[in-house]
Amino acid sequence: MASQLSLVYLGLWLILVTWLVQWAVAAAVKAKQPNAVPGKVPENISHESLVFRTHRTFMNTLENVPMFLASVFVALFIGIESEWLGYWVILFAIARIVHMVLYYAIATEKNPSPRSWFFVLGAIANIAVLVQIALALM
């Protein structure tokens, strides 16, 4: 039981550290730009710009991580302590890290892009946790 929860806690820690790294990278990359205005990303940039990609990576995390964290917290609150919960959390954490690295590295307008597959893995992990909650509540 302790090791099952340790996997969940490790995954949650990885998610939070990744989120912090994304914030720091986005802020640093943008701040280095000439005439950078705090809190404002230029409207005329797109995927070819590292400023755009680091900003979008952070925004994408703001759009996806809170829902996953809420799902995991509900699972923990109702007492789910399965190995699978830990596996789903680790999968989500790794998927977000790979998504981040690919978004930083690949400037493409193509959809789906390589990072899209890791977004999908994260979504699958979130759905799986929600299914575990539903099954536990039945």
N, C-alpha and C. Protein backbone atom coordinates (compact mmCIF):
# COMPACT_ATOMS: atom_id res chain seq x y z
N MET A 1 0.82 -1.19 0.00
CA MET A 1 0.00 0.00 0.00
C MET A 1 0.87 1.26 0.00
N ALA A 2 1.88 1.31 0.84
CA ALA A 2 2.74 2.49 0.90
C ALA A 2 3.44 2.73 -0.44
N SER A 3 3.90 1.67 -1.09
CA SER A 3 4.59 1.84 -2.36
C SER A 3 3.62 2.28 -3.46
N GLN A 4 2.37 1.83 -3.37
CA GLN A 4 1.37 2.26 -4.35
C GLN A 4 1.15 3.77 -4.25
N LEU A 5 1.01 4.26 -3.03
CA LEU A 5 0.82 5.69 -2.84
C LEU A 5 2.10 6.46 -3.16
N SER A 6 3.26 5.87 -2.91
CA SER A 6 4.51 6.53 -3.22
C SER A 6 4.62 6.82 -4.71
N LEU A 7 4.14 5.90 -5.53
CA LEU A 7 4.14 6.10 -6.98
C LEU A 7 3.24 7.27 -7.35
N VAL A 8 2.08 7.34 -6.72
CA VAL A 8 1.16 8.47 -6.96
C VAL A 8 1.85 9.77 -6.56
N TYR A 9 2.44 9.79 -5.36
CA TYR A 9 3.07 11.02 -4.87
C TYR A 9 4.26 11.42 -5.74
N LEU A 10 5.04 10.45 -6.19
CA LEU A 10 6.16 10.75 -7.09
C LEU A 10 5.64 11.37 -8.38
N GLY A 11 4.60 10.78 -8.94
CA GLY A 11 4.02 11.31 -10.17
C GLY A 11 3.48 12.72 -9.99
N LEU A 12 2.81 12.96 -8.87
CA LEU A 12 2.29 14.31 -8.60
C LEU A 12 3.43 15.31 -8.46
N TRP A 13 4.50 14.89 -7.80
CA TRP A 13 5.67 15.76 -7.66
C TRP A 13 6.26 16.08 -9.03
N LEU A 14 6.38 15.07 -9.88
CA LEU A 14 6.90 15.30 -11.24
C LEU A 14 6.05 16.28 -12.02
N ILE A 15 4.74 16.14 -11.90
CA ILE A 15 3.82 17.05 -12.59
C ILE A 15 4.02 18.48 -12.11
N LEU A 16 4.11 18.66 -10.80
CA LEU A 16 4.28 20.01 -10.25
C LEU A 16 5.62 20.61 -10.63
N VAL A 17 6.68 19.80 -10.60
CA VAL A 17 8.01 20.31 -10.98
C VAL A 17 8.02 20.67 -12.47
N THR A 18 7.39 19.85 -13.29
CA THR A 18 7.32 20.14 -14.72
C THR A 18 6.58 21.46 -14.96
N TRP A 19 5.49 21.66 -14.24
CA TRP A 19 4.70 22.88 -14.34
C TRP A 19 5.56 24.09 -13.97
N LEU A 20 6.32 23.98 -12.89
CA LEU A 20 7.20 25.06 -12.45
C LEU A 20 8.29 25.33 -13.48
N VAL A 21 8.88 24.29 -14.03
CA VAL A 21 9.91 24.45 -15.06
C VAL A 21 9.33 25.16 -16.28
N GLN A 22 8.12 24.78 -16.69
CA GLN A 22 7.49 25.41 -17.85
C GLN A 22 7.27 26.90 -17.60
N TRP A 23 6.81 27.24 -16.42
CA TRP A 23 6.61 28.65 -16.08
C TRP A 23 7.94 29.40 -16.16
N ALA A 24 8.98 28.85 -15.54
CA ALA A 24 10.27 29.52 -15.50
C ALA A 24 10.87 29.67 -16.90
N VAL A 25 10.79 28.63 -17.70
CA VAL A 25 11.33 28.69 -19.06
C VAL A 25 10.57 29.72 -19.89
N ALA A 26 9.24 29.69 -19.82
CA ALA A 26 8.44 30.65 -20.59
C ALA A 26 8.76 32.08 -20.17
N ALA A 27 8.88 32.32 -18.87
CA ALA A 27 9.19 33.67 -18.38
C ALA A 27 10.58 34.11 -18.81
N ALA A 28 11.55 33.22 -18.71
CA ALA A 28 12.93 33.56 -19.05
C ALA A 28 13.10 33.81 -20.55
N VAL A 29 12.52 32.94 -21.37
CA VAL A 29 12.65 33.09 -22.82
C VAL A 29 12.02 34.41 -23.27
N LYS A 30 10.84 34.71 -22.73
CA LYS A 30 10.16 35.94 -23.11
C LYS A 30 10.91 37.17 -22.62
N ALA A 31 11.42 37.13 -21.40
CA ALA A 31 12.12 38.28 -20.82
C ALA A 31 13.37 38.65 -21.60
N LYS A 32 13.96 37.68 -22.28
CA LYS A 32 15.19 37.94 -23.05
C LYS A 32 14.92 38.65 -24.38
N GLN A 33 13.66 38.77 -24.76
CA GLN A 33 13.32 39.39 -26.03
C GLN A 33 13.44 40.91 -25.94
N PRO A 34 13.86 41.54 -27.03
CA PRO A 34 13.93 43.00 -27.01
C PRO A 34 12.54 43.60 -26.81
N ASN A 35 12.44 44.62 -26.01
CA ASN A 35 11.18 45.32 -25.74
C ASN A 35 10.11 44.41 -25.14
N ALA A 36 10.51 43.41 -24.40
CA ALA A 36 9.54 42.50 -23.78
C ALA A 36 8.69 43.26 -22.77
N VAL A 37 7.39 43.02 -22.83
CA VAL A 37 6.45 43.63 -21.88
C VAL A 37 5.99 42.53 -20.94
N PRO A 38 6.20 42.71 -19.63
CA PRO A 38 5.78 41.67 -18.68
C PRO A 38 4.29 41.35 -18.82
N GLY A 39 4.00 40.05 -18.87
CA GLY A 39 2.61 39.59 -18.93
C GLY A 39 1.96 39.64 -20.29
N LYS A 40 2.70 40.05 -21.33
CA LYS A 40 2.11 40.15 -22.66
C LYS A 40 2.99 39.45 -23.69
N VAL A 41 2.37 38.53 -24.43
CA VAL A 41 3.06 37.83 -25.51
C VAL A 41 2.67 38.51 -26.82
N PRO A 42 3.64 38.82 -27.66
CA PRO A 42 3.31 39.47 -28.94
C PRO A 42 2.27 38.67 -29.73
N GLU A 43 1.33 39.36 -30.33
CA GLU A 43 0.25 38.70 -31.06
C GLU A 43 0.68 38.19 -32.43
N ASN A 44 1.75 38.72 -32.97
CA ASN A 44 2.16 38.38 -34.33
C ASN A 44 3.17 37.24 -34.41
N ILE A 45 3.26 36.42 -33.37
CA ILE A 45 4.19 35.28 -33.41
C ILE A 45 3.41 33.98 -33.48
N SER A 46 4.11 32.94 -33.95
CA SER A 46 3.49 31.63 -34.06
C SER A 46 4.53 30.57 -33.71
N HIS A 47 4.32 29.35 -34.15
CA HIS A 47 5.16 28.22 -33.75
C HIS A 47 6.64 28.38 -34.09
N GLU A 48 6.98 29.22 -35.05
CA GLU A 48 8.39 29.40 -35.38
C GLU A 48 9.13 30.11 -34.24
N SER A 49 8.39 30.77 -33.35
CA SER A 49 8.97 31.51 -32.24
C SER A 49 9.06 30.66 -30.98
N LEU A 50 10.24 30.60 -30.38
CA LEU A 50 10.39 29.87 -29.12
C LEU A 50 9.56 30.54 -28.02
N VAL A 51 9.40 31.85 -28.08
CA VAL A 51 8.56 32.54 -27.10
C VAL A 51 7.14 31.98 -27.17
N PHE A 52 6.61 31.85 -28.38
CA PHE A 52 5.26 31.31 -28.57
C PHE A 52 5.17 29.89 -28.04
N ARG A 53 6.16 29.05 -28.41
CA ARG A 53 6.10 27.63 -28.02
C ARG A 53 6.22 27.45 -26.51
N THR A 54 7.11 28.21 -25.86
CA THR A 54 7.22 28.06 -24.41
C THR A 54 5.97 28.59 -23.71
N HIS A 55 5.41 29.67 -24.23
CA HIS A 55 4.17 30.21 -23.66
C HIS A 55 3.02 29.22 -23.85
N ARG A 56 2.89 28.67 -25.04
CA ARG A 56 1.78 27.73 -25.31
C ARG A 56 1.94 26.45 -24.50
N THR A 57 3.18 26.01 -24.29
CA THR A 57 3.40 24.83 -23.47
C THR A 57 2.88 25.07 -22.06
N PHE A 58 3.22 26.23 -21.50
CA PHE A 58 2.76 26.57 -20.15
C PHE A 58 1.24 26.72 -20.13
N MET A 59 0.67 27.38 -21.12
CA MET A 59 -0.79 27.55 -21.17
C MET A 59 -1.50 26.20 -21.32
N ASN A 60 -0.92 25.31 -22.12
CA ASN A 60 -1.51 23.99 -22.30
C ASN A 60 -1.51 23.23 -20.98
N THR A 61 -0.47 23.41 -20.20
CA THR A 61 -0.42 22.78 -18.88
C THR A 61 -1.49 23.37 -17.97
N LEU A 62 -1.65 24.69 -18.02
CA LEU A 62 -2.71 25.32 -17.22
C LEU A 62 -4.10 24.82 -17.63
N GLU A 63 -4.24 24.42 -18.88
CA GLU A 63 -5.52 23.91 -19.37
C GLU A 63 -5.76 22.45 -18.99
N ASN A 64 -4.70 21.67 -18.81
CA ASN A 64 -4.85 20.22 -18.64
C ASN A 64 -4.52 19.69 -17.25
N VAL A 65 -3.52 20.23 -16.61
CA VAL A 65 -3.09 19.68 -15.33
C VAL A 65 -4.13 19.84 -14.21
N PRO A 66 -4.81 20.98 -14.09
CA PRO A 66 -5.77 21.09 -12.98
C PRO A 66 -6.86 20.00 -13.00
N MET A 67 -7.35 19.65 -14.18
CA MET A 67 -8.37 18.60 -14.26
C MET A 67 -7.80 17.26 -13.81
N PHE A 68 -6.56 16.98 -14.22
CA PHE A 68 -5.95 15.72 -13.82
C PHE A 68 -5.70 15.70 -12.31
N LEU A 69 -5.17 16.79 -11.78
CA LEU A 69 -4.94 16.86 -10.34
C LEU A 69 -6.23 16.67 -9.57
N ALA A 70 -7.30 17.30 -10.03
CA ALA A 70 -8.60 17.13 -9.36
C ALA A 70 -9.04 15.67 -9.39
N SER A 71 -8.85 15.01 -10.52
CA SER A 71 -9.22 13.60 -10.63
C SER A 71 -8.42 12.75 -9.66
N VAL A 72 -7.12 12.99 -9.57
CA VAL A 72 -6.27 12.22 -8.67
C VAL A 72 -6.65 12.50 -7.22
N PHE A 73 -6.89 13.75 -6.89
CA PHE A 73 -7.25 14.09 -5.51
C PHE A 73 -8.58 13.44 -5.11
N VAL A 74 -9.55 13.42 -6.01
CA VAL A 74 -10.82 12.74 -5.71
C VAL A 74 -10.55 11.25 -5.49
N ALA A 75 -9.73 10.65 -6.35
CA ALA A 75 -9.40 9.23 -6.19
C ALA A 75 -8.77 8.98 -4.83
N LEU A 76 -7.86 9.84 -4.43
CA LEU A 76 -7.23 9.67 -3.12
C LEU A 76 -8.22 9.91 -1.98
N PHE A 77 -9.08 10.90 -2.13
CA PHE A 77 -10.06 11.21 -1.09
C PHE A 77 -11.03 10.07 -0.85
N ILE A 78 -11.38 9.34 -1.91
CA ILE A 78 -12.32 8.23 -1.72
C ILE A 78 -11.61 6.92 -1.39
N GLY A 79 -10.29 6.97 -1.30
CA GLY A 79 -9.54 5.82 -0.81
C GLY A 79 -8.99 4.88 -1.86
N ILE A 80 -8.91 5.31 -3.11
CA ILE A 80 -8.33 4.44 -4.14
C ILE A 80 -6.82 4.39 -3.92
N GLU A 81 -6.29 3.21 -3.72
CA GLU A 81 -4.85 3.03 -3.50
C GLU A 81 -4.30 1.92 -4.38
N SER A 82 -4.82 1.82 -5.59
CA SER A 82 -4.39 0.74 -6.49
C SER A 82 -3.07 1.09 -7.17
N GLU A 83 -2.38 0.05 -7.60
CA GLU A 83 -1.17 0.28 -8.39
C GLU A 83 -1.50 1.05 -9.66
N TRP A 84 -2.68 0.77 -10.21
CA TRP A 84 -3.05 1.42 -11.46
C TRP A 84 -3.15 2.92 -11.31
N LEU A 85 -3.62 3.41 -10.18
CA LEU A 85 -3.67 4.85 -9.98
C LEU A 85 -2.25 5.42 -10.10
N GLY A 86 -1.30 4.78 -9.47
CA GLY A 86 0.10 5.22 -9.58
C GLY A 86 0.61 5.17 -11.00
N TYR A 87 0.27 4.10 -11.72
CA TYR A 87 0.72 3.99 -13.12
C TYR A 87 0.14 5.11 -13.98
N TRP A 88 -1.15 5.42 -13.77
CA TRP A 88 -1.79 6.48 -14.56
C TRP A 88 -1.16 7.83 -14.25
N VAL A 89 -0.84 8.08 -12.98
CA VAL A 89 -0.22 9.35 -12.61
C VAL A 89 1.17 9.47 -13.24
N ILE A 90 1.94 8.40 -13.17
CA ILE A 90 3.28 8.40 -13.78
C ILE A 90 3.17 8.57 -15.30
N LEU A 91 2.23 7.87 -15.92
CA LEU A 91 2.04 8.02 -17.37
C LEU A 91 1.73 9.46 -17.72
N PHE A 92 0.82 10.09 -16.98
CA PHE A 92 0.46 11.49 -17.24
C PHE A 92 1.70 12.37 -17.08
N ALA A 93 2.46 12.17 -16.00
CA ALA A 93 3.65 12.99 -15.75
C ALA A 93 4.66 12.86 -16.89
N ILE A 94 4.93 11.64 -17.31
CA ILE A 94 5.89 11.42 -18.40
C ILE A 94 5.36 11.99 -19.71
N ALA A 95 4.07 11.81 -19.97
CA ALA A 95 3.47 12.35 -21.19
C ALA A 95 3.59 13.87 -21.23
N ARG A 96 3.40 14.53 -20.09
CA ARG A 96 3.51 15.99 -20.05
C ARG A 96 4.96 16.43 -20.27
N ILE A 97 5.90 15.68 -19.73
CA ILE A 97 7.32 16.03 -19.91
C ILE A 97 7.71 15.88 -21.38
N VAL A 98 7.33 14.77 -22.00
CA VAL A 98 7.66 14.57 -23.42
C VAL A 98 6.93 15.60 -24.29
N HIS A 99 5.67 15.89 -23.97
CA HIS A 99 4.92 16.92 -24.68
C HIS A 99 5.68 18.25 -24.63
N MET A 100 6.16 18.61 -23.44
CA MET A 100 6.91 19.86 -23.25
C MET A 100 8.17 19.87 -24.12
N VAL A 101 8.95 18.82 -24.04
CA VAL A 101 10.21 18.76 -24.78
C VAL A 101 9.94 18.85 -26.29
N LEU A 102 8.94 18.14 -26.77
CA LEU A 102 8.62 18.18 -28.20
C LEU A 102 8.10 19.56 -28.61
N TYR A 103 7.32 20.20 -27.76
CA TYR A 103 6.81 21.53 -28.09
C TYR A 103 7.97 22.52 -28.16
N TYR A 104 8.92 22.42 -27.26
CA TYR A 104 10.09 23.31 -27.31
C TYR A 104 10.93 23.05 -28.55
N ALA A 105 11.06 21.79 -28.93
CA ALA A 105 12.02 21.41 -29.97
C ALA A 105 11.49 21.51 -31.39
N ILE A 106 10.17 21.33 -31.58
CA ILE A 106 9.64 21.23 -32.94
C ILE A 106 8.70 22.40 -33.23
N ALA A 107 9.10 23.21 -34.19
CA ALA A 107 8.28 24.34 -34.61
C ALA A 107 7.43 23.89 -35.79
N THR A 108 6.18 23.53 -35.53
CA THR A 108 5.32 23.07 -36.61
C THR A 108 3.89 23.54 -36.40
N GLU A 109 3.25 23.85 -37.49
CA GLU A 109 1.82 24.19 -37.46
C GLU A 109 0.99 22.94 -37.77
N LYS A 110 1.66 21.85 -38.07
CA LYS A 110 0.99 20.60 -38.45
C LYS A 110 0.14 20.07 -37.29
N ASN A 111 -1.04 19.59 -37.62
CA ASN A 111 -1.91 19.00 -36.61
C ASN A 111 -2.47 17.70 -37.17
N PRO A 112 -2.27 16.56 -36.54
CA PRO A 112 -1.57 16.44 -35.26
C PRO A 112 -0.06 16.53 -35.44
N SER A 113 0.57 17.09 -34.45
CA SER A 113 2.03 17.15 -34.43
C SER A 113 2.53 16.01 -33.55
N PRO A 114 3.82 15.76 -33.52
CA PRO A 114 4.32 14.69 -32.65
C PRO A 114 3.92 14.87 -31.18
N ARG A 115 3.84 16.12 -30.72
CA ARG A 115 3.47 16.35 -29.32
C ARG A 115 2.02 15.94 -29.05
N SER A 116 1.18 15.94 -30.09
CA SER A 116 -0.24 15.60 -29.93
C SER A 116 -0.42 14.21 -29.36
N TRP A 117 0.45 13.28 -29.74
CA TRP A 117 0.32 11.91 -29.26
C TRP A 117 0.54 11.83 -27.75
N PHE A 118 1.38 12.69 -27.22
CA PHE A 118 1.63 12.69 -25.78
C PHE A 118 0.52 13.42 -25.03
N PHE A 119 -0.09 14.40 -25.69
CA PHE A 119 -1.29 15.01 -25.14
C PHE A 119 -2.38 13.94 -25.00
N VAL A 120 -2.53 13.12 -26.02
CA VAL A 120 -3.53 12.04 -26.01
C VAL A 120 -3.23 11.04 -24.89
N LEU A 121 -1.98 10.68 -24.70
CA LEU A 121 -1.63 9.77 -23.60
C LEU A 121 -2.04 10.36 -22.25
N GLY A 122 -1.82 11.65 -22.07
CA GLY A 122 -2.24 12.32 -20.84
C GLY A 122 -3.75 12.29 -20.68
N ALA A 123 -4.46 12.52 -21.77
CA ALA A 123 -5.93 12.47 -21.73
C ALA A 123 -6.42 11.07 -21.38
N ILE A 124 -5.78 10.05 -21.93
CA ILE A 124 -6.15 8.67 -21.61
C ILE A 124 -5.93 8.39 -20.13
N ALA A 125 -4.81 8.88 -19.59
CA ALA A 125 -4.54 8.69 -18.16
C ALA A 125 -5.62 9.36 -17.32
N ASN A 126 -6.05 10.55 -17.72
CA ASN A 126 -7.10 11.25 -16.97
C ASN A 126 -8.42 10.48 -17.04
N ILE A 127 -8.78 10.01 -18.21
CA ILE A 127 -10.01 9.24 -18.37
C ILE A 127 -9.94 7.96 -17.53
N ALA A 128 -8.78 7.32 -17.53
CA ALA A 128 -8.61 6.08 -16.77
C ALA A 128 -8.81 6.32 -15.26
N VAL A 129 -8.28 7.43 -14.76
CA VAL A 129 -8.48 7.76 -13.34
C VAL A 129 -9.96 8.01 -13.06
N LEU A 130 -10.63 8.71 -13.96
CA LEU A 130 -12.07 8.96 -13.78
C LEU A 130 -12.87 7.66 -13.80
N VAL A 131 -12.46 6.73 -14.64
CA VAL A 131 -13.13 5.41 -14.68
C VAL A 131 -12.87 4.67 -13.37
N GLN A 132 -11.65 4.72 -12.86
CA GLN A 132 -11.36 4.09 -11.55
C GLN A 132 -12.24 4.68 -10.47
N ILE A 133 -12.44 5.99 -10.49
CA ILE A 133 -13.30 6.63 -9.49
C ILE A 133 -14.72 6.12 -9.63
N ALA A 134 -15.22 6.08 -10.85
CA ALA A 134 -16.59 5.62 -11.09
C ALA A 134 -16.77 4.18 -10.61
N LEU A 135 -15.81 3.32 -10.91
CA LEU A 135 -15.91 1.93 -10.47
C LEU A 135 -15.87 1.81 -8.95
N ALA A 136 -15.06 2.64 -8.31
CA ALA A 136 -14.97 2.60 -6.83
C ALA A 136 -16.27 3.10 -6.20
N LEU A 137 -16.96 3.99 -6.88
CA LEU A 137 -18.19 4.56 -6.32
C LEU A 137 -19.39 3.65 -6.53
N MET A 138 -19.26 2.66 -7.41
CA MET A 138 -20.41 1.76 -7.69
C MET A 138 -20.58 0.75 -6.60
